[in-house]
Amino acid sequence: QVQLVESGGGLVQPGGSLRLSCVASGIIFSIYSMEWYRQAPGKQRELVARISSSGSTDYVESVKGRFTISRDNAKRTVYLQMSSLKVEDTAVYYCRTIYGRVPVWGQGTQVAVSS
């Protein structure tokens, strides 16, 4: 069974930092692209960052220069390092991969940026 489990969310002040983690099981982790999505109330779920099996990365324009996606294949974990956080980054953050032709989602972790 394929599972993704996120952690690391919480409450942080504007300008602060958080690191999200997503641990995968049930797949040969090293050959899969991994993604972070987020969804804020009243908004569409959006792709935030992607990292390929070879380590190449892509980011949505609004987080470029502030967020960094990385992976540790030995730990079967993908990370999202978030810095210079803004109120508009507040959302539930989800980890995703594509298992064969089927998207697999984590349960989500809440990030709240507020003073």
C-alpha atoms as a PDB file:
ATOM      1  CA  GLN A   1       0.000   0.000   0.000  1.00  0.00           C
ATOM      2  CA  VAL A   2       1.276   3.453  -0.951  1.00  0.00           C
ATOM      3  CA  GLN A   3       1.248   6.097   1.767  1.00  0.00           C
ATOM      4  CA  LEU A   4       2.463   9.679   2.105  1.00  0.00           C
ATOM      5  CA  VAL A   5       2.575  11.293   5.548  1.00  0.00           C
ATOM      6  CA  GLU A   6       3.264  15.011   5.983  1.00  0.00           C
ATOM      7  CA  SER A   7       4.478  16.786   9.088  1.00  0.00           C
ATOM      8  CA  GLY A   8       6.024  20.081  10.153  1.00  0.00           C
ATOM      9  CA  GLY A   9       3.159  22.518   9.811  1.00  0.00           C
ATOM     10  CA  GLY A  10       2.235  25.036  12.454  1.00  0.00           C
ATOM     11  CA  LEU A  11       1.797  28.689  13.333  1.00  0.00           C
ATOM     12  CA  VAL A  12       4.567  31.082  12.350  1.00  0.00           C
ATOM     13  CA  GLN A  13       4.947  34.861  12.195  1.00  0.00           C
ATOM     14  CA  PRO A  14       5.378  36.694   8.889  1.00  0.00           C
ATOM     15  CA  GLY A  15       9.019  36.543   7.855  1.00  0.00           C
ATOM     16  CA  GLY A  16       9.558  33.270   9.680  1.00  0.00           C
ATOM     17  CA  SER A  17      10.474  29.809   8.431  1.00  0.00           C
ATOM     18  CA  LEU A  18       9.133  26.269   8.521  1.00  0.00           C
ATOM     19  CA  ARG A  19      10.297  22.967   7.084  1.00  0.00           C
ATOM     20  CA  LEU A  20       7.691  20.471   5.952  1.00  0.00           C
ATOM     21  CA  SER A  21       8.456  16.760   5.588  1.00  0.00           C
ATOM     22  CA  CYS A  22       6.713  13.989   3.678  1.00  0.00           C
ATOM     23  CA  VAL A  23       7.649  10.350   4.274  1.00  0.00           C
ATOM     24  CA  ALA A  24       6.718   7.834   1.579  1.00  0.00           C
ATOM     25  CA  SER A  25       6.137   4.109   1.892  1.00  0.00           C
ATOM     26  CA  GLY A  26       5.034   1.398  -0.526  1.00  0.00           C
ATOM     27  CA  ILE A  27       6.974   2.713  -3.539  1.00  0.00           C
ATOM     28  CA  ILE A  28      10.504   2.620  -4.886  1.00  0.00           C
ATOM     29  CA  PHE A  29      10.918   6.185  -3.731  1.00  0.00           C
ATOM     30  CA  SER A  30      14.019   7.123  -5.708  1.00  0.00           C
ATOM     31  CA  ILE A  31      12.365   6.748  -9.134  1.00  0.00           C
ATOM     32  CA  TYR A  32       9.308   8.931  -8.430  1.00  0.00           C
ATOM     33  CA  SER A  33       8.798  12.631  -8.886  1.00  0.00           C
ATOM     34  CA  MET A  34       7.422  14.251  -5.738  1.00  0.00           C
ATOM     35  CA  GLU A  35       5.254  17.356  -5.433  1.00  0.00           C
ATOM     36  CA  TRP A  36       3.956  19.807  -2.853  1.00  0.00           C
ATOM     37  CA  TYR A  37       0.520  21.369  -3.309  1.00  0.00           C
ATOM     38  CA  ARG A  38      -1.356  23.822  -1.134  1.00  0.00           C
ATOM     39  CA  GLN A  39      -4.955  24.889  -0.730  1.00  0.00           C
ATOM     40  CA  ALA A  40      -6.159  28.015   1.037  1.00  0.00           C
ATOM     41  CA  PRO A  41      -9.812  28.613   1.962  1.00  0.00           C
ATOM     42  CA  GLY A  42     -11.775  29.772  -1.058  1.00  0.00           C
ATOM     43  CA  LYS A  43      -8.943  29.021  -3.471  1.00  0.00           C
ATOM     44  CA  GLN A  44      -8.063  26.266  -5.912  1.00  0.00           C
ATOM     45  CA  ARG A  45      -5.470  23.720  -4.895  1.00  0.00           C
ATOM     46  CA  GLU A  46      -2.217  24.744  -6.567  1.00  0.00           C
ATOM     47  CA  LEU A  47       1.075  23.073  -7.325  1.00  0.00           C
ATOM     48  CA  VAL A  48       3.791  24.755  -5.253  1.00  0.00           C
ATOM     49  CA  ALA A  49       6.916  22.762  -6.057  1.00  0.00           C
ATOM     50  CA  ARG A  50       8.069  19.622  -7.818  1.00  0.00           C
ATOM     51  CA  ILE A  51      11.265  17.594  -7.668  1.00  0.00           C
ATOM     52  CA  SER A  52      12.055  14.897 -10.220  1.00  0.00           C
ATOM     53  CA  SER A  53      13.848  11.609  -9.668  1.00  0.00           C
ATOM     54  CA  SER A  54      17.001  13.263 -11.017  1.00  0.00           C
ATOM     55  CA  GLY A  55      16.693  16.219  -8.647  1.00  0.00           C
ATOM     56  CA  SER A  56      15.472  18.902 -11.026  1.00  0.00           C
ATOM     57  CA  THR A  57      13.007  21.345  -9.464  1.00  0.00           C
ATOM     58  CA  ASP A  58      10.144  23.633 -10.431  1.00  0.00           C
ATOM     59  CA  TYR A  59       8.271  26.245  -8.395  1.00  0.00           C
ATOM     60  CA  VAL A  60       5.200  28.369  -8.713  1.00  0.00           C
ATOM     61  CA  GLU A  61       6.228  31.984  -9.328  1.00  0.00           C
ATOM     62  CA  SER A  62       4.909  33.262  -5.999  1.00  0.00           C
ATOM     63  CA  VAL A  63       7.351  31.155  -3.946  1.00  0.00           C
ATOM     64  CA  LYS A  64      10.499  31.386  -6.073  1.00  0.00           C
ATOM     65  CA  GLY A  65      13.458  32.496  -4.004  1.00  0.00           C
ATOM     66  CA  ARG A  66      11.662  31.707  -0.733  1.00  0.00           C
ATOM     67  CA  PHE A  67      10.861  27.969  -0.857  1.00  0.00           C
ATOM     68  CA  THR A  68      13.203  25.069  -1.570  1.00  0.00           C
ATOM     69  CA  ILE A  69      12.130  21.502  -2.335  1.00  0.00           C
ATOM     70  CA  SER A  70      14.615  18.697  -1.724  1.00  0.00           C
ATOM     71  CA  ARG A  71      14.669  14.946  -1.247  1.00  0.00           C
ATOM     72  CA  ASP A  72      16.582  12.367   0.749  1.00  0.00           C
ATOM     73  CA  ASN A  73      16.151   9.014  -0.946  1.00  0.00           C
ATOM     74  CA  ALA A  74      17.776   7.092   1.908  1.00  0.00           C
ATOM     75  CA  LYS A  75      15.138   8.496   4.276  1.00  0.00           C
ATOM     76  CA  ARG A  76      12.342   8.188   1.701  1.00  0.00           C
ATOM     77  CA  THR A  77      11.485  11.805   2.437  1.00  0.00           C
ATOM     78  CA  VAL A  78      10.752  14.960   0.476  1.00  0.00           C
ATOM     79  CA  TYR A  79      11.097  18.348   2.185  1.00  0.00           C
ATOM     80  CA  LEU A  80       9.766  21.830   1.613  1.00  0.00           C
ATOM     81  CA  GLN A  81      11.885  24.494   3.284  1.00  0.00           C
ATOM     82  CA  MET A  82       9.832  27.685   3.527  1.00  0.00           C
ATOM     83  CA  SER A  83      11.455  31.011   4.374  1.00  0.00           C
ATOM     84  CA  SER A  84      10.321  34.645   4.414  1.00  0.00           C
ATOM     85  CA  LEU A  85       6.791  33.420   4.959  1.00  0.00           C
ATOM     86  CA  LYS A  86       3.886  35.684   4.089  1.00  0.00           C
ATOM     87  CA  VAL A  87       0.294  35.731   5.300  1.00  0.00           C
ATOM     88  CA  GLU A  88      -0.768  34.612   1.835  1.00  0.00           C
ATOM     89  CA  ASP A  89       1.221  31.383   2.289  1.00  0.00           C
ATOM     90  CA  THR A  90      -1.387  30.254   4.821  1.00  0.00           C
ATOM     91  CA  ALA A  91      -2.877  26.990   3.548  1.00  0.00           C
ATOM     92  CA  VAL A  92      -3.049  23.257   4.021  1.00  0.00           C
ATOM     93  CA  TYR A  93       0.009  21.770   2.345  1.00  0.00           C
ATOM     94  CA  TYR A  94      -0.188  18.355   0.680  1.00  0.00           C
ATOM     95  CA  CYS A  95       2.436  15.945  -0.612  1.00  0.00           C
ATOM     96  CA  ARG A  96       1.655  14.127  -3.878  1.00  0.00           C
ATOM     97  CA  THR A  97       3.113  11.562  -6.231  1.00  0.00           C
ATOM     98  CA  ILE A  98       1.797   9.599  -9.209  1.00  0.00           C
ATOM     99  CA  TYR A  99       1.743   5.851  -8.620  1.00  0.00           C
ATOM    100  CA  GLY A 100       1.425   4.374 -12.067  1.00  0.00           C
ATOM    101  CA  ARG A 101      -1.494   6.406 -13.386  1.00  0.00           C
ATOM    102  CA  VAL A 102      -2.986   7.133  -9.965  1.00  0.00           C
ATOM    103  CA  PRO A 103      -2.340  10.277  -7.892  1.00  0.00           C
ATOM    104  CA  VAL A 104      -1.526   9.562  -4.260  1.00  0.00           C
ATOM    105  CA  TRP A 105      -2.030  12.316  -1.684  1.00  0.00           C
ATOM    106  CA  GLY A 106      -0.939  12.762   1.879  1.00  0.00           C
ATOM    107  CA  GLN A 107      -3.354  13.871   4.586  1.00  0.00           C
ATOM    108  CA  GLY A 108      -2.107  17.459   4.607  1.00  0.00           C
ATOM    109  CA  THR A 109      -0.449  19.670   7.192  1.00  0.00           C
ATOM    110  CA  GLN A 110      -1.688  23.139   8.172  1.00  0.00           C
ATOM    111  CA  VAL A 111       0.559  26.180   7.806  1.00  0.00           C
ATOM    112  CA  ALA A 112      -0.732  29.394   9.376  1.00  0.00           C
ATOM    113  CA  VAL A 113       1.239  32.619   8.930  1.00  0.00           C
ATOM    114  CA  SER A 114      -0.053  35.286  11.268  1.00  0.00           C
ATOM    115  CA  SER A 115       1.109  37.925  13.702  1.00  0.00           C
END
